[in-house]
Structure formats: C-alpha cells, structure tokens
Protein backbone atom coordinates (compact mmCIF):
# COMPACT_ATOMS: atom_id res chain seq x y z
CA MET A 1 -38.29 -7.71 1.53
CA SER A 2 -35.95 -8.52 4.43
CA THR A 3 -32.43 -9.90 4.70
CA TYR A 4 -31.89 -13.25 6.43
CA VAL A 5 -28.76 -15.04 7.60
CA PHE A 6 -28.69 -18.75 6.84
CA LYS A 7 -26.64 -21.84 7.58
CA ALA A 8 -26.97 -24.78 5.20
CA MET A 9 -25.23 -27.92 3.98
CA ASP A 10 -25.08 -29.64 0.61
CA VAL A 11 -25.47 -33.35 -0.07
CA ALA A 12 -21.69 -33.84 0.21
CA GLY A 13 -21.67 -32.41 3.73
CA VAL A 14 -20.00 -29.11 2.82
CA LYS A 15 -21.35 -26.37 5.06
CA ALA A 16 -22.25 -22.94 3.75
CA ARG A 17 -23.49 -19.76 5.31
CA GLY A 18 -24.44 -16.34 4.00
CA GLU A 19 -27.24 -13.86 3.48
CA LEU A 20 -30.32 -13.90 1.29
CA GLU A 21 -33.18 -11.51 0.70
CA GLY A 22 -36.74 -12.75 0.86
CA ASP A 23 -40.30 -11.97 1.92
CA SER A 24 -40.11 -14.52 4.73
CA LYS A 25 -37.99 -17.27 6.21
CA GLN A 26 -40.03 -19.79 4.23
CA ALA A 27 -39.21 -17.99 0.99
CA VAL A 28 -35.50 -18.08 1.83
CA SER A 29 -35.77 -21.76 2.73
CA ASP A 30 -37.39 -22.47 -0.62
CA GLN A 31 -34.54 -20.68 -2.44
CA LEU A 32 -31.96 -22.77 -0.59
CA LYS A 33 -33.78 -26.00 -1.32
CA GLN A 34 -33.90 -25.13 -5.02
CA ARG A 35 -30.10 -24.94 -4.93
CA GLY A 36 -29.92 -28.43 -3.48
CA LEU A 37 -28.97 -27.29 0.03
CA ILE A 38 -30.18 -28.68 3.33
CA VAL A 39 -31.28 -25.82 5.59
CA LEU A 40 -29.74 -25.83 9.07
CA ASP A 41 -30.75 -22.42 10.36
CA ILE A 42 -32.35 -19.17 9.16
CA ALA A 43 -32.40 -16.00 11.26
CA ASP A 44 -33.17 -12.32 10.81
CA LYS A 45 -30.18 -10.12 10.15
CA HIS A 46 -30.02 -7.47 12.84
CA SER A 47 -28.24 -4.22 12.13
CA SER A 48 -24.93 -3.98 13.93
CA ARG A 49 -24.58 -1.45 16.74
CA GLN A 50 -20.85 -1.28 16.37
CA ILE A 51 -19.32 1.94 15.14
CA GLU A 52 -17.54 1.21 11.87
CA LEU A 53 -15.32 3.73 10.14
CA ASP A 54 -14.88 3.34 6.38
CA PHE A 55 -11.21 4.33 6.44
CA MET A 56 -10.50 1.45 8.85
CA LYS A 57 -11.94 -1.11 6.44
CA SER A 58 -9.24 -2.63 4.29
CA VAL A 59 -8.17 -5.85 2.63
CA LYS A 60 -4.49 -6.76 2.59
CA ALA A 61 -2.85 -7.85 -0.64
CA GLY A 62 -2.04 -11.21 0.91
CA GLU A 63 -5.70 -11.84 1.80
CA LEU A 64 -6.78 -10.90 -1.70
CA ALA A 65 -4.13 -13.22 -3.16
CA VAL A 66 -5.43 -16.10 -1.05
CA PHE A 67 -8.99 -15.34 -2.18
CA SER A 68 -7.94 -15.34 -5.84
CA ARG A 69 -5.92 -18.55 -5.54
CA GLN A 70 -8.68 -20.40 -3.68
CA LEU A 71 -11.29 -19.28 -6.19
CA ALA A 72 -9.08 -20.47 -9.05
CA THR A 73 -8.54 -23.83 -7.33
CA MET A 74 -12.26 -24.43 -6.79
CA ILE A 75 -13.14 -23.43 -10.38
CA THR A 76 -10.43 -25.79 -11.68
CA SER A 77 -11.92 -28.65 -9.60
CA GLY A 78 -15.25 -28.20 -11.39
CA MET A 79 -17.19 -26.12 -8.86
CA SER A 80 -19.40 -23.36 -10.21
CA ILE A 81 -18.47 -19.72 -9.55
CA LEU A 82 -21.56 -19.23 -7.40
CA ARG A 83 -20.86 -22.23 -5.21
CA SER A 84 -17.20 -21.25 -4.91
CA LEU A 85 -18.22 -17.80 -3.69
CA TYR A 86 -20.49 -19.41 -1.09
CA VAL A 87 -17.56 -21.44 0.24
CA LEU A 88 -15.23 -18.44 0.28
CA GLU A 89 -17.89 -16.35 2.00
CA TRP A 90 -18.15 -18.95 4.75
CA GLN A 91 -14.42 -19.35 5.43
CA THR A 92 -13.14 -15.77 4.96
CA GLU A 93 -12.09 -14.21 8.28
CA ASN A 94 -11.73 -10.57 7.19
CA LYS A 95 -15.14 -9.03 7.87
CA PHE A 96 -14.87 -6.39 5.14
CA LEU A 97 -13.78 -8.96 2.55
CA LYS A 98 -16.60 -11.28 3.65
CA GLU A 99 -19.16 -8.49 3.14
CA THR A 100 -17.69 -7.78 -0.28
CA ILE A 101 -17.86 -11.46 -1.29
CA VAL A 102 -21.50 -11.54 -0.18
CA ALA A 103 -22.26 -8.55 -2.39
CA VAL A 104 -20.37 -10.09 -5.32
CA ARG A 105 -22.22 -13.37 -4.87
CA LYS A 106 -25.58 -11.58 -4.89
CA ASP A 107 -24.64 -9.79 -8.12
CA VAL A 108 -23.60 -13.08 -9.72
CA GLU A 109 -26.92 -14.59 -8.60
CA ALA A 110 -28.69 -11.65 -10.25
CA GLY A 111 -27.05 -12.52 -13.57
CA LEU A 112 -23.96 -10.29 -13.67
CA SER A 113 -20.61 -11.70 -14.75
CA LEU A 114 -17.90 -12.16 -12.14
CA SER A 115 -15.78 -9.33 -13.55
CA ASP A 116 -18.72 -6.90 -13.58
CA SER A 117 -19.55 -7.87 -10.00
CA LEU A 118 -15.96 -7.30 -8.89
CA ALA A 119 -15.85 -3.93 -10.68
CA ARG A 120 -18.61 -2.66 -8.38
CA HIS A 121 -16.17 -2.80 -5.45
CA PRO A 122 -13.14 -0.69 -6.47
CA LYS A 123 -11.93 -0.34 -2.87
CA VAL A 124 -11.19 -4.07 -2.79
CA PHE A 125 -10.64 -5.14 -6.39
CA SER A 126 -8.24 -2.99 -8.40
CA PRO A 127 -8.62 -2.31 -12.14
CA LEU A 128 -5.85 -4.89 -12.66
CA PHE A 129 -7.87 -7.57 -10.85
CA VAL A 130 -11.05 -6.74 -12.76
CA ALA A 131 -9.35 -6.56 -16.18
CA MET A 132 -7.59 -9.90 -15.79
CA THR A 133 -10.79 -11.55 -14.57
CA GLN A 134 -12.65 -10.13 -17.56
CA ALA A 135 -9.95 -11.41 -19.92
CA GLY A 136 -10.08 -14.82 -18.30
CA GLU A 137 -13.87 -15.00 -18.71
CA ALA A 138 -13.65 -13.94 -22.38
CA GLY A 139 -10.93 -16.48 -23.16
CA GLY A 140 -12.38 -19.33 -21.12
CA VAL A 141 -9.30 -19.45 -18.89
CA LEU A 142 -10.65 -17.79 -15.76
CA GLU A 143 -8.71 -20.05 -13.39
CA ASP A 144 -5.39 -19.20 -15.10
CA ALA A 145 -6.17 -15.49 -14.96
CA LEU A 146 -6.99 -15.70 -11.25
CA LEU A 147 -3.73 -17.53 -10.57
CA ARG A 148 -1.84 -14.78 -12.42
CA VAL A 149 -3.60 -12.18 -10.29
CA ALA A 150 -2.61 -14.04 -7.13
CA ASP A 151 1.04 -14.19 -8.23
CA GLN A 152 1.00 -10.48 -9.07
CA LEU A 153 -0.50 -9.56 -5.69
CA GLN A 154 2.00 -11.71 -3.79
CA LYS A 155 4.99 -10.24 -5.61
CA ASP A 156 3.68 -6.71 -5.12
CA ALA A 157 3.16 -7.42 -1.41
CA SER A 158 6.70 -8.84 -1.17
CA LEU A 159 8.07 -5.64 -2.71
CA ARG A 160 6.15 -3.54 -0.20
CA ARG A 161 7.43 -5.65 2.70
CA GLN A 162 11.03 -5.07 1.60
CA ILE A 163 10.55 -1.31 1.68
CA LYS A 164 8.68 -1.32 5.00
CA SER A 165 11.24 -3.56 6.69
CA ALA A 166 14.02 -1.22 5.56
CA MET A 167 12.20 1.78 7.03
CA VAL A 168 11.65 0.18 10.44
CA TYR A 169 15.20 0.84 11.68
CA PRO A 170 15.39 4.53 10.68
CA ALA A 171 11.90 5.14 12.07
CA LEU A 172 12.79 3.60 15.43
CA VAL A 173 16.02 5.58 15.61
CA ILE A 174 14.24 8.85 14.80
CA VAL A 175 11.58 8.17 17.44
CA PHE A 176 14.28 7.31 19.99
CA ALA A 177 16.27 10.44 19.13
CA VAL A 178 13.22 12.69 19.49
CA GLY A 179 12.31 10.98 22.77
CA VAL A 180 15.83 11.48 24.19
CA MET A 181 15.86 15.13 23.13
CA MET A 182 12.44 15.78 24.67
CA ALA A 183 13.47 14.08 27.93
CA LEU A 184 16.71 16.05 28.19
CA VAL A 185 15.02 19.36 27.36
CA ALA A 186 12.08 18.76 29.71
CA PHE A 187 13.96 17.38 32.76
CA LEU A 188 17.68 18.13 32.54
CA VAL A 189 17.69 21.71 31.25
CA PRO A 190 15.39 23.12 33.99
CA VAL A 191 17.78 21.80 36.65
CA PHE A 192 20.75 23.56 35.08
CA GLU A 193 18.68 26.68 34.47
CA GLY A 194 18.11 27.04 38.22
CA VAL A 195 21.84 26.81 38.81
CA PHE A 196 22.57 29.40 36.11
CA LYS A 197 20.18 31.91 37.70
CA GLN A 198 22.22 31.78 40.91
CA PHE A 199 25.38 32.68 39.00
CA GLY A 200 23.78 35.59 37.14
CA GLY A 201 25.21 37.08 33.97
CA GLU A 202 24.31 36.45 30.34
CA LEU A 203 24.14 32.89 29.12
CA PRO A 204 25.93 31.76 25.94
CA LYS A 205 23.80 31.70 22.77
CA ILE A 206 23.85 27.92 22.55
CA THR A 207 22.58 27.69 26.14
CA GLN A 208 19.86 30.24 25.43
CA VAL A 209 18.63 28.02 22.60
CA SER A 210 18.37 25.01 24.93
CA VAL A 211 16.56 27.07 27.58
CA PHE A 212 14.11 28.37 24.96
CA LEU A 213 13.41 24.78 23.81
CA SER A 214 12.89 23.74 27.45
CA HIS A 215 10.33 26.50 28.02
CA ALA A 216 8.55 25.60 24.78
CA VAL A 217 8.35 21.89 25.64
CA THR A 218 7.27 22.33 29.25
CA GLY A 219 4.98 25.33 28.79
CA TYR A 220 3.52 24.83 25.31
CA TRP A 221 3.65 21.05 24.85
CA TRP A 222 0.00 21.06 23.73
CA LEU A 223 0.82 23.55 20.97
CA ILE A 224 3.68 21.35 19.77
CA PHE A 225 1.38 18.32 19.49
CA LEU A 226 -1.28 20.44 17.79
CA LEU A 227 1.16 21.83 15.22
CA THR A 228 2.63 18.37 14.60
CA GLY A 229 -0.81 16.85 14.03
CA ALA A 230 -1.85 19.74 11.78
CA SER A 231 1.37 19.42 9.77
CA ILE A 232 0.89 15.68 9.26
CA PHE A 233 -2.76 16.16 8.28
CA GLY A 234 -1.87 18.99 5.89
CA PHE A 235 0.90 16.93 4.31
CA LEU A 236 -1.39 13.94 3.76
CA LYS A 237 -4.10 16.14 2.24
CA TRP A 238 -1.55 17.83 -0.03
CA LYS A 239 -0.02 14.51 -1.07
CA SER A 240 -3.41 13.06 -2.01
CA SER A 241 -4.65 16.17 -3.84
CA SER A 242 -4.70 16.42 -7.62
CA TRP A 243 -2.03 19.14 -7.64
CA GLY A 244 0.08 17.93 -4.71
CA ARG A 245 0.47 14.29 -5.75
CA PRO A 246 2.42 15.03 -8.96
CA GLN A 247 4.77 17.35 -7.03
CA TRP A 248 5.33 14.73 -4.33
CA ASP A 249 5.88 11.88 -6.81
CA HIS A 250 8.45 13.86 -8.82
CA PHE A 251 10.16 15.01 -5.61
CA ARG A 252 10.50 11.41 -4.38
CA LEU A 253 12.48 10.54 -7.49
CA ARG A 254 15.05 13.26 -6.64
CA ILE A 255 15.65 12.38 -2.97
CA PRO A 256 19.38 11.72 -2.40
CA MET A 257 21.08 8.85 -0.53
CA LYS A 258 19.70 6.21 -2.97
CA ILE A 259 16.11 6.84 -1.82
CA GLY A 260 15.12 8.36 -5.17
CA ALA A 261 16.77 5.46 -6.99
CA ILE A 262 14.78 2.96 -4.92
CA VAL A 263 11.53 4.80 -5.69
CA GLN A 264 12.37 4.62 -9.40
CA GLN A 265 13.25 0.91 -9.24
CA VAL A 266 10.04 0.07 -7.40
CA ALA A 267 7.96 1.99 -9.95
CA VAL A 268 9.66 0.31 -12.92
CA ALA A 269 9.39 -3.16 -11.37
CA ARG A 270 5.68 -2.70 -10.63
CA TRP A 271 5.05 -1.29 -14.11
CA ALA A 272 6.80 -4.20 -15.84
CA ARG A 273 5.15 -6.85 -13.67
CA THR A 274 1.65 -5.40 -14.13
CA LEU A 275 1.95 -4.94 -17.90
CA ALA A 276 3.38 -8.45 -18.28
CA SER A 277 0.49 -9.96 -16.30
CA LEU A 278 -2.13 -8.06 -18.31
CA THR A 279 -0.69 -8.82 -21.75
CA SER A 280 -0.10 -12.48 -20.97
CA ALA A 281 -3.72 -12.77 -19.74
CA GLY A 282 -4.99 -11.51 -23.09
CA VAL A 283 -6.07 -8.01 -22.05
CA PRO A 284 -6.11 -5.63 -25.08
CA LEU A 285 -2.88 -3.63 -25.26
CA LEU A 286 -4.43 -0.15 -25.01
CA LEU A 287 -6.48 -1.16 -21.97
CA ALA A 288 -3.43 -2.85 -20.42
CA LEU A 289 -1.35 0.32 -20.87
CA ASP A 290 -4.09 2.46 -19.34
CA ILE A 291 -4.47 0.18 -16.31
CA THR A 292 -0.69 -0.04 -15.89
CA GLY A 293 -0.43 3.74 -15.82
CA ARG A 294 -3.19 4.10 -13.22
CA THR A 295 -1.76 1.38 -10.97
CA GLY A 296 1.93 2.28 -11.37
CA GLY A 297 2.11 4.09 -8.05
CA ASN A 298 3.84 7.17 -9.47
CA VAL A 299 2.60 10.06 -11.60
CA ALA A 300 5.74 9.85 -13.74
CA VAL A 301 4.69 6.37 -14.89
CA GLU A 302 1.16 7.58 -15.60
CA GLU A 303 2.48 10.48 -17.68
CA ALA A 304 4.78 8.15 -19.61
CA MET A 305 1.87 5.78 -20.35
CA GLU A 306 -0.12 8.64 -21.87
CA GLY A 307 2.65 9.08 -24.43
CA VAL A 308 2.86 5.33 -25.04
CA ILE A 309 -0.91 5.07 -25.60
CA ALA A 310 -0.79 7.94 -28.08
CA SER A 311 2.09 6.24 -29.92
CA VAL A 312 0.30 2.87 -30.09
CA LYS A 313 -2.88 4.53 -31.40
CA ARG A 314 -0.81 6.05 -34.22
CA GLY A 315 0.62 2.63 -35.03
CA GLY A 316 3.95 3.30 -33.32
CA THR A 317 5.90 1.25 -30.80
CA ILE A 318 5.96 1.17 -27.00
CA ALA A 319 9.74 1.50 -26.75
CA ALA A 320 10.05 4.84 -28.58
CA PRO A 321 8.03 7.00 -26.13
CA LEU A 322 9.50 5.08 -23.17
CA GLY A 323 12.93 6.33 -24.23
CA GLN A 324 11.73 9.90 -23.77
CA ALA A 325 10.44 9.29 -20.21
CA PRO A 326 13.15 9.99 -17.58
CA ILE A 327 11.76 7.42 -15.15
CA PHE A 328 12.54 4.50 -17.48
CA PRO A 329 16.24 3.54 -17.79
CA VAL A 330 17.79 2.89 -21.19
CA MET A 331 17.97 -0.84 -20.52
CA VAL A 332 14.19 -1.03 -20.10
CA THR A 333 13.64 0.76 -23.40
CA HIS A 334 15.93 -1.62 -25.29
CA MET A 335 14.47 -4.76 -23.69
CA VAL A 336 10.92 -3.65 -24.47
CA GLY A 337 12.00 -2.92 -28.04
CA VAL A 338 13.46 -6.42 -28.39
CA GLY A 339 10.27 -7.88 -26.92
CA GLU A 340 8.14 -6.05 -29.47
CA GLU A 341 10.36 -7.17 -32.36
CA THR A 342 10.39 -10.83 -31.31
CA GLY A 343 6.74 -11.00 -30.21
CA ALA A 344 7.74 -11.97 -26.67
CA LEU A 345 6.86 -8.72 -24.88
CA ASP A 346 5.31 -10.37 -21.82
CA SER A 347 8.33 -12.61 -21.12
CA MET A 348 10.72 -9.69 -21.64
CA LEU A 349 8.70 -7.57 -19.20
CA ASP A 350 8.86 -10.40 -16.67
CA LYS A 351 12.67 -10.34 -16.94
CA VAL A 352 12.67 -6.56 -16.46
CA ALA A 353 10.50 -6.92 -13.36
CA GLU A 354 12.71 -9.65 -11.88
CA PHE A 355 15.86 -7.58 -12.52
CA TYR A 356 14.52 -4.46 -10.84
CA GLU A 357 13.01 -6.39 -7.95
CA ASP A 358 16.50 -7.75 -7.28
CA GLN A 359 17.85 -4.21 -7.65
CA VAL A 360 15.38 -2.97 -5.05
CA GLU A 361 16.52 -5.61 -2.58
CA ALA A 362 20.19 -4.71 -3.11
CA SER A 363 19.50 -0.96 -2.93
CA VAL A 364 17.50 -1.33 0.26
CA LYS A 365 20.38 -3.18 1.92
CA ALA A 366 22.80 -0.48 0.76
CA LEU A 367 20.48 2.24 2.07
CA THR A 368 20.27 0.54 5.46
CA SER A 369 24.07 0.38 5.71
CA ILE A 370 24.26 4.11 4.86
CA LEU A 371 21.55 5.13 7.31
CA GLU A 372 23.10 3.37 10.32
CA PRO A 373 26.11 5.70 10.72
CA VAL A 374 24.01 8.72 9.74
CA MET A 375 21.49 7.95 12.50
CA ILE A 376 24.29 7.48 15.04
CA ILE A 377 25.76 10.85 14.09
CA VAL A 378 22.35 12.52 14.36
CA ILE A 379 21.65 11.12 17.83
CA GLY A 380 25.17 11.96 18.99
CA GLY A 381 24.79 15.50 17.64
CA ILE A 382 21.48 16.06 19.45
CA VAL A 383 22.72 14.76 22.79
CA GLY A 384 26.07 16.51 22.38
CA PHE A 385 24.41 19.85 21.60
CA ILE A 386 22.30 19.76 24.77
CA VAL A 387 25.15 18.56 27.01
CA ILE A 388 27.59 21.18 25.72
CA SER A 389 25.00 23.94 26.03
CA MET A 390 24.47 23.01 29.68
CA TYR A 391 28.13 22.73 30.67
CA LEU A 392 29.40 25.74 28.74
CA PRO A 393 28.16 28.28 31.37
CA LEU A 394 29.79 26.18 34.10
CA PHE A 395 33.12 26.42 32.31
CA SER A 396 32.70 30.19 32.05
CA VAL A 397 32.01 30.44 35.79
CA TYR A 398 35.01 28.24 36.53
CA ASN A 399 37.27 30.42 34.40
CA SER A 400 36.02 33.60 36.08
CA ILE A 401 36.65 32.13 39.55
CA LYS A 402 40.08 30.98 38.51
C-alpha cells in the first residue's frame, strides 16, 4: 500500500488537499468520491531529500491557539471533525503542524476519537490540550473546550512574551560588554604591552592580569569558544536531567533582584490559569491537579500538587496542603479556600491568575529599571579596569622620570 497526495474540491467549491494510503491511484480516487469530493489531482508522495532535524521541529503556542480556535469555529458552524481537519490541513503553513494534522486526521478516519488522536502527538499537543478536548467530547461541548484551550494558550504565550521582552535589554548589554572587553583585550592591550617592554621593569598586578587575558584571547581563542560551548551544553544537560531540574527550579526561586519573585509569580499564574481552565471544562479534579502539576513549569509546583492530590484522595481540601507549600503565597491559599467553600473554585482561580499576571508585568518593569543602572556600572567597570591597567605603568614611568 502506497501513500498518495491529492487535491480535491467539494460540491460547495471548497478546496482540500492531503494524503491518503491506497493500493493505487484509482483506489484513492474511489475513497475521495465516496466522501463526496471531486478529484482534481492525485500524485505519488516522494520521500523528501531535505535533511530534517527533530529538535528544529516545533509549533508555537500562537499557531496552536489559531488551530484550536479555527477548529472550534468550524465545528460550531456544523462541519464534521474530519472535514474540519481536512480544511486545517490544507491551510496550515507550519510544515510540522501540517504533518501532525494529517496524522490526526488519519487516526480519526480509522475510528479513534479526536482526543485519543491528539494524545498520540505529545510534542505538539500538551496533556492540558488533550484533557480539555476529552472533557469537551464527553460533555458534548467540544467547541467550548477548544475555545478555552485557545484562550489558555494565548494568555500563556503573552506571559512568555513579557518575560522574553524584559530579557532582551540585559542580554544585548551583556553581549555588548563582552564584545567591548574582547576588542580591548585583543587589540589595545598588545599595543601597550609593546611599549611596556621598552621601559622594562615589573608591571603592576592589575596590568599583569590584562596582559594575561590578552594572551589568552589572542593565543587560545579556540579553547575559550570550546570551553564556553561545553559549559553551555553541560548546563543544558544538567538542567534537563531528573536530578538537575529540581535543583535549578528551586535555585531560580531564590535569585535576588526580584528575579526569584518573578519566577514565583509566573509559576503561580500559570498554575491558577491551567487549573481554572481544566475544572471549568469539566475535567475530573484529580486528573486536573495531576495535569496542572506536570505543566506548571516548576518542580516546586509539581511537588505541591502531589500533596494536594493526596489530600483530595483522603477527602481533604486543596487549600490546606497549598498553605504548606512555600511557592504559594498566603493570599492564594485563602482565595482557593473561599472558592472551595462557595463552589466557585474556577472563577476564584481565574482571579488569582489575573492578579499574578498583572504582578508579573509590574515586576518585569521594576526589574528592567533596576537592571539599567547595574548594566551601566558593569560596562563602566570593565572598560575602566582595562584602561586603568594600561595607563598605570605609564604613570609609574612618568613618576620615575620626574
């Protein structure tokens, strides 16, 4: 059985394209005609000669939100899930997402539910996406569940953009500072070193440090790049390991200059938003707590959810174990407790998420205002150190002549 690429059109003039498996082109044409489609073209699918790396394949949260919202819109208008997937497959620009939609569509054609088909692609569809889709199918409100997923993805992407935009300025300043230091050490210091050799005598300690850095940069630049690359690779491997990730996540919460506070606020906002979306969609509470812990983005949240799940299984509350978790502020504990007592947990969690999302925005602005003078001092200190180390021997020679 071979795979064929087809182009077709329905009676309303809506074009569709995709892939089908069949014994021949005629067999594929017969399948399309049974679906009420007019065949425009059928061709063999040739294997691509392009080199594709799995780690380069990704789907942005915004693209996934658009997919979810469009699917919800088409289902609401009365289109079947299968036909909606055909349309999305035809108009999706992201190649990796298109391939995933094709695979999902084939699974749906084979008789699997939409949620089960999505669950087979964990790199694209998170447990949150799958659980809410499953809840929507069970409750007959799939379009509402998909819209909730789209809102959740968009708000999560907005939160990420705030953090990334705040980090752009410090990153540029650090790169500029390193570039200036490397240029001064590689080009300015050797010139002064030649002058110092003519004078003779022992150089000051600060000047010896600059000369040593100059020799290291000009003579062993390849070793510097190798060590830098190895350090970055080692850090990423450690951070993603089962024993390194908990250490890194707990360390991030203790970073000074409001950075740790921002990490905490982001984690709490994401936790509240995710749990609110899951509970409001009708996902069972224990499953919602488990998914929230796994998608919280911080080990501290995952550890706290283990205690909450144990409490709920014993018939206890959510608020009590939250109060024992350092990552959750007292206000969150009390608001969750009120939500449990009044039966409005999802709306209370939404308010918690909105509050901490606003807190993140304010904290990011405060962090940026703090980092600006710090970066200026750092750059001034680097340049000043090199300049002083170069002119200090000249002052010593001048004093000896005088």
